[in-house]
Amino acid sequence: ILADQEGSLAEPGCVRFDVVRSVDDPNELLIWEVYLDEEAAAFHKTTPHYAAFKEQMPAMASKVRYADRYEGVSIPTDKA
């Protein structure tokens, strides 16, 4: 995961790549990836570090890997 994180953060379209651990289950990790656009996200899936992560993931996982997709939303505030 850390190699994928490092490689991803070096990609021009990667805005962030966070890895967090559950407080209740230290074996459960969440990867939060943000890309500039669909093109950047698609490029990520062509990289060697992604391919290595995808290949190694089944041996590391105790649960089925899944991905939820979100889009950015900006909420204005009245802070002065």
N, C-alpha and C. Protein backbone atom coordinates (compact mmCIF):
# COMPACT_ATOMS: atom_id res chain seq x y z
N ILE A 1 0.83 -1.19 0.00
CA ILE A 1 0.00 0.00 0.00
C ILE A 1 0.87 1.25 0.00
N LEU A 2 1.92 1.25 0.79
CA LEU A 2 2.77 2.43 0.87
C LEU A 2 3.50 2.70 -0.44
N ALA A 3 3.89 1.66 -1.16
CA ALA A 3 4.53 1.85 -2.47
C ALA A 3 3.53 2.43 -3.47
N ASP A 4 2.29 1.97 -3.40
CA ASP A 4 1.26 2.52 -4.28
C ASP A 4 0.99 3.98 -3.91
N GLN A 5 0.96 4.27 -2.64
CA GLN A 5 0.74 5.64 -2.19
C GLN A 5 1.86 6.56 -2.69
N GLU A 6 3.10 6.14 -2.51
CA GLU A 6 4.24 6.95 -2.94
C GLU A 6 4.21 7.20 -4.46
N GLY A 7 3.98 6.13 -5.21
CA GLY A 7 3.93 6.26 -6.66
C GLY A 7 2.76 7.12 -7.11
N SER A 8 1.63 6.96 -6.46
CA SER A 8 0.44 7.73 -6.83
C SER A 8 0.64 9.21 -6.58
N LEU A 9 1.21 9.56 -5.43
CA LEU A 9 1.42 10.96 -5.11
C LEU A 9 2.40 11.64 -6.08
N ALA A 10 3.22 10.85 -6.75
CA ALA A 10 4.15 11.40 -7.74
C ALA A 10 3.47 11.62 -9.10
N GLU A 11 2.28 11.10 -9.29
CA GLU A 11 1.55 11.28 -10.54
C GLU A 11 1.06 12.72 -10.64
N PRO A 12 1.12 13.31 -11.84
CA PRO A 12 0.71 14.71 -11.98
C PRO A 12 -0.76 14.97 -11.64
N GLY A 13 -1.64 14.00 -11.82
CA GLY A 13 -3.06 14.22 -11.58
C GLY A 13 -3.55 13.77 -10.22
N CYS A 14 -2.67 13.28 -9.37
CA CYS A 14 -3.09 12.82 -8.04
C CYS A 14 -3.06 13.99 -7.06
N VAL A 15 -4.22 14.30 -6.50
CA VAL A 15 -4.35 15.40 -5.55
C VAL A 15 -4.01 14.94 -4.14
N ARG A 16 -4.49 13.75 -3.79
CA ARG A 16 -4.17 13.19 -2.47
C ARG A 16 -4.36 11.67 -2.48
N PHE A 17 -3.67 11.02 -1.57
CA PHE A 17 -3.75 9.57 -1.42
C PHE A 17 -3.53 9.29 0.06
N ASP A 18 -4.61 9.15 0.78
CA ASP A 18 -4.54 8.93 2.23
C ASP A 18 -4.79 7.46 2.54
N VAL A 19 -4.07 6.97 3.53
CA VAL A 19 -4.29 5.61 4.04
C VAL A 19 -4.59 5.77 5.52
N VAL A 20 -5.78 5.31 5.94
CA VAL A 20 -6.17 5.41 7.34
C VAL A 20 -6.55 4.03 7.87
N ARG A 21 -6.41 3.88 9.18
CA ARG A 21 -6.69 2.60 9.85
C ARG A 21 -7.88 2.76 10.78
N SER A 22 -8.73 1.77 10.80
CA SER A 22 -9.88 1.77 11.70
C SER A 22 -9.43 1.71 13.16
N VAL A 23 -10.06 2.52 13.97
CA VAL A 23 -9.78 2.51 15.41
C VAL A 23 -10.31 1.22 16.03
N ASP A 24 -11.43 0.73 15.52
CA ASP A 24 -12.05 -0.48 16.08
C ASP A 24 -11.40 -1.76 15.59
N ASP A 25 -10.85 -1.75 14.39
CA ASP A 25 -10.22 -2.94 13.81
C ASP A 25 -8.92 -2.52 13.13
N PRO A 26 -7.79 -2.65 13.81
CA PRO A 26 -6.52 -2.19 13.25
C PRO A 26 -6.09 -2.92 11.96
N ASN A 27 -6.80 -3.99 11.62
CA ASN A 27 -6.51 -4.69 10.36
C ASN A 27 -7.32 -4.13 9.19
N GLU A 28 -8.20 -3.18 9.47
CA GLU A 28 -9.02 -2.60 8.41
C GLU A 28 -8.46 -1.23 8.01
N LEU A 29 -8.16 -1.12 6.72
CA LEU A 29 -7.60 0.13 6.19
C LEU A 29 -8.55 0.71 5.15
N LEU A 30 -8.52 2.02 5.04
CA LEU A 30 -9.27 2.73 4.02
C LEU A 30 -8.28 3.56 3.21
N ILE A 31 -8.38 3.45 1.90
CA ILE A 31 -7.53 4.25 1.02
C ILE A 31 -8.44 5.29 0.37
N TRP A 32 -8.09 6.56 0.54
CA TRP A 32 -8.87 7.67 -0.01
C TRP A 32 -8.01 8.35 -1.07
N GLU A 33 -8.41 8.17 -2.33
CA GLU A 33 -7.64 8.73 -3.44
C GLU A 33 -8.45 9.84 -4.11
N VAL A 34 -7.78 10.94 -4.45
CA VAL A 34 -8.44 12.04 -5.15
C VAL A 34 -7.59 12.41 -6.36
N TYR A 35 -8.24 12.43 -7.52
CA TYR A 35 -7.57 12.78 -8.78
C TYR A 35 -8.22 14.01 -9.39
N LEU A 36 -7.46 14.75 -10.16
CA LEU A 36 -7.97 15.97 -10.78
C LEU A 36 -9.18 15.74 -11.65
N ASP A 37 -9.17 14.61 -12.39
CA ASP A 37 -10.27 14.33 -13.31
C ASP A 37 -10.25 12.85 -13.67
N GLU A 38 -11.20 12.45 -14.49
CA GLU A 38 -11.31 11.04 -14.91
C GLU A 38 -10.06 10.58 -15.65
N GLU A 39 -9.47 11.47 -16.44
CA GLU A 39 -8.26 11.12 -17.18
C GLU A 39 -7.12 10.77 -16.23
N ALA A 40 -6.96 11.55 -15.18
CA ALA A 40 -5.90 11.28 -14.20
C ALA A 40 -6.16 9.96 -13.47
N ALA A 41 -7.41 9.70 -13.14
CA ALA A 41 -7.76 8.44 -12.46
C ALA A 41 -7.52 7.25 -13.39
N ALA A 42 -7.84 7.41 -14.67
CA ALA A 42 -7.60 6.33 -15.64
C ALA A 42 -6.11 6.11 -15.83
N PHE A 43 -5.33 7.17 -15.88
CA PHE A 43 -3.88 7.03 -16.01
C PHE A 43 -3.30 6.26 -14.83
N HIS A 44 -3.79 6.55 -13.63
CA HIS A 44 -3.32 5.87 -12.42
C HIS A 44 -3.40 4.35 -12.59
N LYS A 45 -4.47 3.88 -13.21
CA LYS A 45 -4.66 2.44 -13.36
C LYS A 45 -3.74 1.82 -14.41
N THR A 46 -2.92 2.62 -15.09
CA THR A 46 -1.95 2.10 -16.06
C THR A 46 -0.54 2.05 -15.48
N THR A 47 -0.36 2.47 -14.25
CA THR A 47 0.98 2.60 -13.68
C THR A 47 1.48 1.28 -13.07
N PRO A 48 2.79 1.09 -13.06
CA PRO A 48 3.35 -0.13 -12.47
C PRO A 48 3.03 -0.28 -10.98
N HIS A 49 3.03 0.81 -10.22
CA HIS A 49 2.76 0.69 -8.78
C HIS A 49 1.31 0.27 -8.53
N TYR A 50 0.38 0.72 -9.37
CA TYR A 50 -1.01 0.28 -9.23
C TYR A 50 -1.13 -1.20 -9.59
N ALA A 51 -0.48 -1.62 -10.67
CA ALA A 51 -0.53 -3.03 -11.09
C ALA A 51 0.01 -3.93 -9.99
N ALA A 52 1.11 -3.52 -9.36
CA ALA A 52 1.70 -4.33 -8.29
C ALA A 52 0.76 -4.40 -7.09
N PHE A 53 0.15 -3.27 -6.74
CA PHE A 53 -0.80 -3.25 -5.62
C PHE A 53 -1.99 -4.16 -5.92
N LYS A 54 -2.55 -4.03 -7.12
CA LYS A 54 -3.72 -4.83 -7.49
C LYS A 54 -3.40 -6.32 -7.47
N GLU A 55 -2.20 -6.68 -7.88
CA GLU A 55 -1.79 -8.09 -7.88
C GLU A 55 -1.60 -8.63 -6.47
N GLN A 56 -1.04 -7.82 -5.58
CA GLN A 56 -0.74 -8.26 -4.22
C GLN A 56 -1.94 -8.15 -3.27
N MET A 57 -2.90 -7.33 -3.61
CA MET A 57 -4.02 -7.05 -2.71
C MET A 57 -4.80 -8.30 -2.27
N PRO A 58 -5.15 -9.23 -3.15
CA PRO A 58 -5.93 -10.38 -2.68
C PRO A 58 -5.26 -11.16 -1.55
N ALA A 59 -3.95 -11.26 -1.55
CA ALA A 59 -3.25 -11.99 -0.50
C ALA A 59 -3.25 -11.23 0.83
N MET A 60 -3.41 -9.91 0.76
CA MET A 60 -3.40 -9.09 1.97
C MET A 60 -4.80 -8.90 2.55
N ALA A 61 -5.82 -9.08 1.75
CA ALA A 61 -7.18 -8.71 2.17
C ALA A 61 -7.93 -9.86 2.82
N SER A 62 -8.66 -9.52 3.87
CA SER A 62 -9.55 -10.50 4.48
C SER A 62 -11.00 -10.23 4.07
N LYS A 63 -11.22 -9.09 3.42
CA LYS A 63 -12.54 -8.73 2.92
C LYS A 63 -12.44 -8.47 1.43
N VAL A 64 -13.57 -8.48 0.78
CA VAL A 64 -13.61 -8.17 -0.65
C VAL A 64 -13.31 -6.69 -0.84
N ARG A 65 -12.39 -6.38 -1.73
CA ARG A 65 -12.05 -5.00 -2.04
C ARG A 65 -13.16 -4.37 -2.87
N TYR A 66 -13.52 -3.14 -2.55
CA TYR A 66 -14.53 -2.45 -3.33
C TYR A 66 -14.16 -0.97 -3.41
N ALA A 67 -14.74 -0.28 -4.35
CA ALA A 67 -14.47 1.14 -4.52
C ALA A 67 -15.79 1.89 -4.66
N ASP A 68 -15.92 2.94 -3.90
CA ASP A 68 -17.04 3.86 -4.05
C ASP A 68 -16.50 5.09 -4.75
N ARG A 69 -17.30 5.69 -5.61
CA ARG A 69 -16.85 6.87 -6.34
C ARG A 69 -17.64 8.09 -5.86
N TYR A 70 -16.93 9.19 -5.72
CA TYR A 70 -17.53 10.44 -5.28
C TYR A 70 -17.08 11.54 -6.22
N GLU A 71 -17.81 12.66 -6.20
CA GLU A 71 -17.36 13.83 -6.93
C GLU A 71 -17.31 14.99 -5.94
N GLY A 72 -16.43 15.94 -6.22
CA GLY A 72 -16.23 17.06 -5.32
C GLY A 72 -17.44 17.97 -5.25
N VAL A 73 -17.69 18.46 -4.06
CA VAL A 73 -18.77 19.41 -3.82
C VAL A 73 -18.19 20.52 -2.95
N SER A 74 -18.42 21.75 -3.33
CA SER A 74 -17.93 22.88 -2.55
C SER A 74 -19.12 23.50 -1.83
N ILE A 75 -18.98 23.65 -0.53
CA ILE A 75 -20.05 24.22 0.26
C ILE A 75 -19.57 25.57 0.77
N PRO A 76 -20.19 26.68 0.32
CA PRO A 76 -19.75 28.00 0.78
C PRO A 76 -20.08 28.21 2.25
N THR A 77 -19.23 28.96 2.91
CA THR A 77 -19.48 29.29 4.31
C THR A 77 -19.53 30.79 4.46
N ASP A 78 -20.11 31.25 5.55
CA ASP A 78 -20.22 32.69 5.82
C ASP A 78 -19.18 33.15 6.82
N LYS A 79 -18.06 32.48 6.90
CA LYS A 79 -17.02 32.88 7.84
C LYS A 79 -16.37 34.17 7.35
N ALA A 80 -16.31 35.16 8.19
CA ALA A 80 -15.71 36.44 7.80
C ALA A 80 -14.40 36.67 8.53
